[in-house]
PDB file of N, CA and C in Angstrom:
ATOM      1  N   MET A   1      73.458 103.212  34.288  1.00  0.00           N
ATOM      2  CA  MET A   1      74.092 102.368  35.288  1.00  0.00           C
ATOM      3  C   MET A   1      73.292 101.071  35.437  1.00  0.00           C
ATOM      4  N   GLU A   2      73.964  99.952  35.391  1.00  0.00           N
ATOM      5  CA  GLU A   2      73.310  98.654  35.509  1.00  0.00           C
ATOM      6  C   GLU A   2      73.110  98.288  36.973  1.00  0.00           C
ATOM      7  N   THR A   3      71.933  97.788  37.299  1.00  0.00           N
ATOM      8  CA  THR A   3      71.640  97.368  38.665  1.00  0.00           C
ATOM      9  C   THR A   3      72.250  95.998  38.917  1.00  0.00           C
ATOM     10  N   THR A   4      72.881  95.830  40.076  1.00  0.00           N
ATOM     11  CA  THR A   4      73.356  94.519  40.493  1.00  0.00           C
ATOM     12  C   THR A   4      72.497  94.063  41.667  1.00  0.00           C
ATOM     13  N   TYR A   5      72.415  92.762  41.821  1.00  0.00           N
ATOM     14  CA  TYR A   5      71.527  92.185  42.826  1.00  0.00           C
ATOM     15  C   TYR A   5      72.307  91.350  43.833  1.00  0.00           C
ATOM     16  N   CYS A   6      71.776  91.278  45.027  1.00  0.00           N
ATOM     17  CA  CYS A   6      72.355  90.452  46.085  1.00  0.00           C
ATOM     18  C   CYS A   6      72.220  88.987  45.688  1.00  0.00           C
ATOM     19  N   ASP A   7      73.293  88.225  45.819  1.00  0.00           N
ATOM     20  CA  ASP A   7      73.242  86.817  45.428  1.00  0.00           C
ATOM     21  C   ASP A   7      72.568  85.923  46.470  1.00  0.00           C
ATOM     22  N   ARG A   8      72.160  86.492  47.577  1.00  0.00           N
ATOM     23  CA  ARG A   8      71.442  85.697  48.579  1.00  0.00           C
ATOM     24  C   ARG A   8      69.945  86.005  48.613  1.00  0.00           C
ATOM     25  N   CYS A   9      69.577  87.297  48.641  1.00  0.00           N
ATOM     26  CA  CYS A   9      68.156  87.641  48.768  1.00  0.00           C
ATOM     27  C   CYS A   9      67.531  88.088  47.450  1.00  0.00           C
ATOM     28  N   GLY A  10      68.359  88.466  46.467  1.00  0.00           N
ATOM     29  CA  GLY A  10      67.848  88.868  45.170  1.00  0.00           C
ATOM     30  C   GLY A  10      67.434  90.325  45.061  1.00  0.00           C
ATOM     31  N   GLU A  11      67.530  91.073  46.132  1.00  0.00           N
ATOM     32  CA  GLU A  11      67.163  92.495  46.105  1.00  0.00           C
ATOM     33  C   GLU A  11      68.322  93.315  45.540  1.00  0.00           C
ATOM     34  N   PRO A  12      68.044  94.494  44.983  1.00  0.00           N
ATOM     35  CA  PRO A  12      69.134  95.348  44.473  1.00  0.00           C
ATOM     36  C   PRO A  12      70.152  95.647  45.573  1.00  0.00           C
ATOM     37  N   THR A  13      71.444  95.621  45.217  1.00  0.00           N
ATOM     38  CA  THR A  13      72.485  95.836  46.223  1.00  0.00           C
ATOM     39  C   THR A  13      72.488  97.258  46.767  1.00  0.00           C
ATOM     40  N   GLY A  14      71.873  98.200  46.074  1.00  0.00           N
ATOM     41  CA  GLY A  14      71.812  99.579  46.537  1.00  0.00           C
ATOM     42  C   GLY A  14      70.778  99.813  47.619  1.00  0.00           C
ATOM     43  N   THR A  15      69.930  98.812  47.911  1.00  0.00           N
ATOM     44  CA  THR A  15      68.909  98.965  48.943  1.00  0.00           C
ATOM     45  C   THR A  15      69.314  98.193  50.193  1.00  0.00           C
ATOM     46  N   GLY A  16      69.293  98.841  51.321  1.00  0.00           N
ATOM     47  CA  GLY A  16      69.637  98.172  52.575  1.00  0.00           C
ATOM     48  C   GLY A  16      71.131  97.919  52.691  1.00  0.00           C
ATOM     49  N   THR A  17      71.513  97.237  53.772  1.00  0.00           N
ATOM     50  CA  THR A  17      72.931  96.991  54.023  1.00  0.00           C
ATOM     51  C   THR A  17      73.370  95.590  53.609  1.00  0.00           C
ATOM     52  N   HIS A  18      72.483  94.647  53.611  1.00  0.00           N
ATOM     53  CA  HIS A  18      72.774  93.254  53.248  1.00  0.00           C
ATOM     54  C   HIS A  18      73.820  92.623  54.168  1.00  0.00           C
ATOM     55  N   ASP A  19      73.953  93.140  55.400  1.00  0.00           N
ATOM     56  CA  ASP A  19      74.913  92.576  56.346  1.00  0.00           C
ATOM     57  C   ASP A  19      74.595  91.118  56.662  1.00  0.00           C
ATOM     58  N   SER A  20      73.322  90.814  56.869  1.00  0.00           N
ATOM     59  CA  SER A  20      72.962  89.424  57.178  1.00  0.00           C
ATOM     60  C   SER A  20      73.185  88.520  55.971  1.00  0.00           C
ATOM     61  N   CYS A  21      73.010  89.058  54.772  1.00  0.00           N
ATOM     62  CA  CYS A  21      73.266  88.275  53.561  1.00  0.00           C
ATOM     63  C   CYS A  21      74.751  87.936  53.452  1.00  0.00           C
ATOM     64  N   ARG A  22      75.614  88.928  53.694  1.00  0.00           N
ATOM     65  CA  ARG A  22      77.058  88.687  53.624  1.00  0.00           C
ATOM     66  C   ARG A  22      77.482  87.660  54.667  1.00  0.00           C
ATOM     67  N   ALA A  23      76.913  87.736  55.853  1.00  0.00           N
ATOM     68  CA  ALA A  23      77.256  86.775  56.903  1.00  0.00           C
ATOM     69  C   ALA A  23      76.805  85.367  56.519  1.00  0.00           C
ATOM     70  N   ALA A  24      75.602  85.245  55.975  1.00  0.00           N
ATOM     71  CA  ALA A  24      75.085  83.925  55.588  1.00  0.00           C
ATOM     72  C   ALA A  24      75.882  83.340  54.427  1.00  0.00           C
ATOM     73  N   ARG A  25      76.356  84.178  53.514  1.00  0.00           N
ATOM     74  CA  ARG A  25      77.101  83.703  52.348  1.00  0.00           C
ATOM     75  C   ARG A  25      78.456  83.111  52.716  1.00  0.00           C
ATOM     76  N   GLN A  26      78.913  83.347  53.947  1.00  0.00           N
ATOM     77  CA  GLN A  26      80.145  82.699  54.412  1.00  0.00           C
ATOM     78  C   GLN A  26      79.952  81.189  54.474  1.00  0.00           C
ATOM     79  N   LEU A  27      78.692  80.760  54.693  1.00  0.00           N
ATOM     80  CA  LEU A  27      78.409  79.337  54.913  1.00  0.00           C
ATOM     81  C   LEU A  27      77.563  78.679  53.830  1.00  0.00           C
ATOM     82  N   GLU A  28      76.988  79.434  52.925  1.00  0.00           N
ATOM     83  CA  GLU A  28      76.088  78.848  51.936  1.00  0.00           C
ATOM     84  C   GLU A  28      76.334  79.414  50.542  1.00  0.00           C
ATOM     85  N   PRO A  29      75.936  78.685  49.504  1.00  0.00           N
ATOM     86  CA  PRO A  29      76.150  79.146  48.126  1.00  0.00           C
ATOM     87  C   PRO A  29      75.188  80.270  47.745  1.00  0.00           C
ATOM     88  N   PRO A  30      75.478  80.967  46.643  1.00  0.00           N
ATOM     89  CA  PRO A  30      74.569  82.019  46.176  1.00  0.00           C
ATOM     90  C   PRO A  30      73.265  81.410  45.685  1.00  0.00           C
ATOM     91  N   ARG A  31      72.191  82.170  45.751  1.00  0.00           N
ATOM     92  CA  ARG A  31      70.874  81.696  45.312  1.00  0.00           C
ATOM     93  C   ARG A  31      70.336  82.467  44.111  1.00  0.00           C
ATOM     94  N   PHE A  32      70.795  83.715  43.926  1.00  0.00           N
ATOM     95  CA  PHE A  32      70.312  84.562  42.843  1.00  0.00           C
ATOM     96  C   PHE A  32      71.488  85.043  42.004  1.00  0.00           C
ATOM     97  N   CYS A  33      71.271  85.211  40.711  1.00  0.00           N
ATOM     98  CA  CYS A  33      72.277  85.759  39.812  1.00  0.00           C
ATOM     99  C   CYS A  33      72.413  87.254  40.109  1.00  0.00           C
ATOM    100  N   THR A  34      73.639  87.742  40.236  1.00  0.00           N
ATOM    101  CA  THR A  34      73.870  89.155  40.533  1.00  0.00           C
ATOM    102  C   THR A  34      73.622  90.050  39.325  1.00  0.00           C
ATOM    103  N   HIS A  35      73.551  89.467  38.131  1.00  0.00           N
ATOM    104  CA  HIS A  35      73.341  90.249  36.910  1.00  0.00           C
ATOM    105  C   HIS A  35      71.864  90.416  36.553  1.00  0.00           C
ATOM    106  N   CYS A  36      71.082  89.316  36.689  1.00  0.00           N
ATOM    107  CA  CYS A  36      69.700  89.367  36.195  1.00  0.00           C
ATOM    108  C   CYS A  36      68.645  89.019  37.248  1.00  0.00           C
ATOM    109  N   ARG A  37      69.064  88.672  38.462  1.00  0.00           N
ATOM    110  CA  ARG A  37      68.161  88.385  39.575  1.00  0.00           C
ATOM    111  C   ARG A  37      67.405  87.063  39.418  1.00  0.00           C
ATOM    112  N   ARG A  38      67.799  86.239  38.459  1.00  0.00           N
ATOM    113  CA  ARG A  38      67.140  84.928  38.318  1.00  0.00           C
ATOM    114  C   ARG A  38      67.568  84.017  39.445  1.00  0.00           C
ATOM    115  N   ARG A  39      66.664  83.167  39.854  1.00  0.00           N
ATOM    116  CA  ARG A  39      66.983  82.142  40.836  1.00  0.00           C
ATOM    117  C   ARG A  39      67.890  81.128  40.148  1.00  0.00           C
ATOM    118  N   MET A  40      69.002  80.790  40.782  1.00  0.00           N
ATOM    119  CA  MET A  40      69.949  79.860  40.176  1.00  0.00           C
ATOM    120  C   MET A  40      69.699  78.426  40.630  1.00  0.00           C
ATOM    121  N   LYS A  41      70.093  77.495  39.768  1.00  0.00           N
ATOM    122  CA  LYS A  41      70.053  76.074  40.116  1.00  0.00           C
ATOM    123  C   LYS A  41      71.322  75.793  40.919  1.00  0.00           C
ATOM    124  N   VAL A  42      71.166  75.367  42.167  1.00  0.00           N
ATOM    125  CA  VAL A  42      72.300  75.173  43.067  1.00  0.00           C
ATOM    126  C   VAL A  42      72.430  73.695  43.417  1.00  0.00           C
ATOM    127  N   GLN A  43      73.671  73.206  43.343  1.00  0.00           N
ATOM    128  CA  GLN A  43      73.954  71.838  43.768  1.00  0.00           C
ATOM    129  C   GLN A  43      75.080  71.881  44.782  1.00  0.00           C
ATOM    130  N   VAL A  44      74.822  71.310  45.959  1.00  0.00           N
ATOM    131  CA  VAL A  44      75.810  71.262  47.020  1.00  0.00           C
ATOM    132  C   VAL A  44      76.305  69.826  47.161  1.00  0.00           C
ATOM    133  N   VAL A  45      77.628  69.668  47.168  1.00  0.00           N
ATOM    134  CA  VAL A  45      78.264  68.359  47.348  1.00  0.00           C
ATOM    135  C   VAL A  45      79.258  68.493  48.499  1.00  0.00           C
ATOM    136  N   PRO A  46      79.758  67.381  49.032  1.00  0.00           N
ATOM    137  CA  PRO A  46      80.686  67.473  50.175  1.00  0.00           C
ATOM    138  C   PRO A  46      81.934  68.316  49.910  1.00  0.00           C
ATOM    139  N   THR A  47      82.357  68.421  48.658  1.00  0.00           N
ATOM    140  CA  THR A  47      83.580  69.166  48.348  1.00  0.00           C
ATOM    141  C   THR A  47      83.336  70.602  47.912  1.00  0.00           C
ATOM    142  N   GLY A  48      82.087  71.049  47.824  1.00  0.00           N
ATOM    143  CA  GLY A  48      81.802  72.418  47.409  1.00  0.00           C
ATOM    144  C   GLY A  48      80.398  72.575  46.855  1.00  0.00           C
ATOM    145  N   TRP A  49      80.225  73.499  45.910  1.00  0.00           N
ATOM    146  CA  TRP A  49      78.911  73.758  45.321  1.00  0.00           C
ATOM    147  C   TRP A  49      79.070  74.316  43.908  1.00  0.00           C
ATOM    148  N   THR A  50      77.975  74.231  43.136  1.00  0.00           N
ATOM    149  CA  THR A  50      77.874  74.916  41.854  1.00  0.00           C
ATOM    150  C   THR A  50      76.527  75.636  41.838  1.00  0.00           C
ATOM    151  N   ALA A  51      76.513  76.805  41.215  1.00  0.00           N
ATOM    152  CA  ALA A  51      75.284  77.586  41.076  1.00  0.00           C
ATOM    153  C   ALA A  51      75.213  78.044  39.623  1.00  0.00           C
ATOM    154  N   THR A  52      74.117  77.694  38.938  1.00  0.00           N
ATOM    155  CA  THR A  52      74.015  77.975  37.514  1.00  0.00           C
ATOM    156  C   THR A  52      72.844  78.889  37.194  1.00  0.00           C
ATOM    157  N   CYS A  53      73.144  79.974  36.478  1.00  0.00           N
ATOM    158  CA  CYS A  53      72.132  80.868  35.936  1.00  0.00           C
ATOM    159  C   CYS A  53      71.923  80.471  34.484  1.00  0.00           C
ATOM    160  N   ALA A  54      70.688  80.342  34.061  1.00  0.00           N
ATOM    161  CA  ALA A  54      70.390  79.955  32.682  1.00  0.00           C
ATOM    162  C   ALA A  54      70.923  80.973  31.685  1.00  0.00           C
ATOM    163  N   GLU A  55      71.059  82.218  32.093  1.00  0.00           N
ATOM    164  CA  GLU A  55      71.528  83.280  31.207  1.00  0.00           C
ATOM    165  C   GLU A  55      73.018  83.557  31.303  1.00  0.00           C
ATOM    166  N   HIS A  56      73.592  83.473  32.510  1.00  0.00           N
ATOM    167  CA  HIS A  56      74.957  83.933  32.724  1.00  0.00           C
ATOM    168  C   HIS A  56      75.968  82.853  33.086  1.00  0.00           C
ATOM    169  N   GLY A  57      75.569  81.596  33.130  1.00  0.00           N
ATOM    170  CA  GLY A  57      76.537  80.528  33.341  1.00  0.00           C
ATOM    171  C   GLY A  57      76.667  80.057  34.787  1.00  0.00           C
ATOM    172  N   THR A  58      77.793  79.393  35.066  1.00  0.00           N
ATOM    173  CA  THR A  58      77.987  78.682  36.320  1.00  0.00           C
ATOM    174  C   THR A  58      79.089  79.301  37.170  1.00  0.00           C
ATOM    175  N   LEU A  59      78.825  79.361  38.463  1.00  0.00           N
ATOM    176  CA  LEU A  59      79.831  79.700  39.477  1.00  0.00           C
ATOM    177  C   LEU A  59      80.107  78.425  40.259  1.00  0.00           C
ATOM    178  N   ALA A  60      81.314  78.262  40.777  1.00  0.00           N
ATOM    179  CA  ALA A  60      81.624  77.057  41.540  1.00  0.00           C
ATOM    180  C   ALA A  60      82.622  77.365  42.645  1.00  0.00           C
ATOM    181  N   ALA A  61      82.537  76.595  43.715  1.00  0.00           N
ATOM    182  CA  ALA A  61      83.510  76.639  44.805  1.00  0.00           C
ATOM    183  C   ALA A  61      83.785  75.205  45.221  1.00  0.00           C
ATOM    184  N   HIS A  62      85.053  74.851  45.213  1.00  0.00           N
ATOM    185  CA  HIS A  62      85.451  73.470  45.596  1.00  0.00           C
ATOM    186  C   HIS A  62      86.526  73.506  46.618  1.00  0.00           C
TER     187      HIS A  62
END
């Protein structure tokens, strides 16, 4: 079974509840890749954001 990680705190999703992470993610972009736990390069603009993992590519919200 592959471990997935919280995109806000970077900890494994199987540990803790991550309720505060889910609440914060309503207002802010992800910070960690859910596949490899790498810190992502995040750019926030007035119309949205992009978050890029060097290994797994880019997520975007506009």
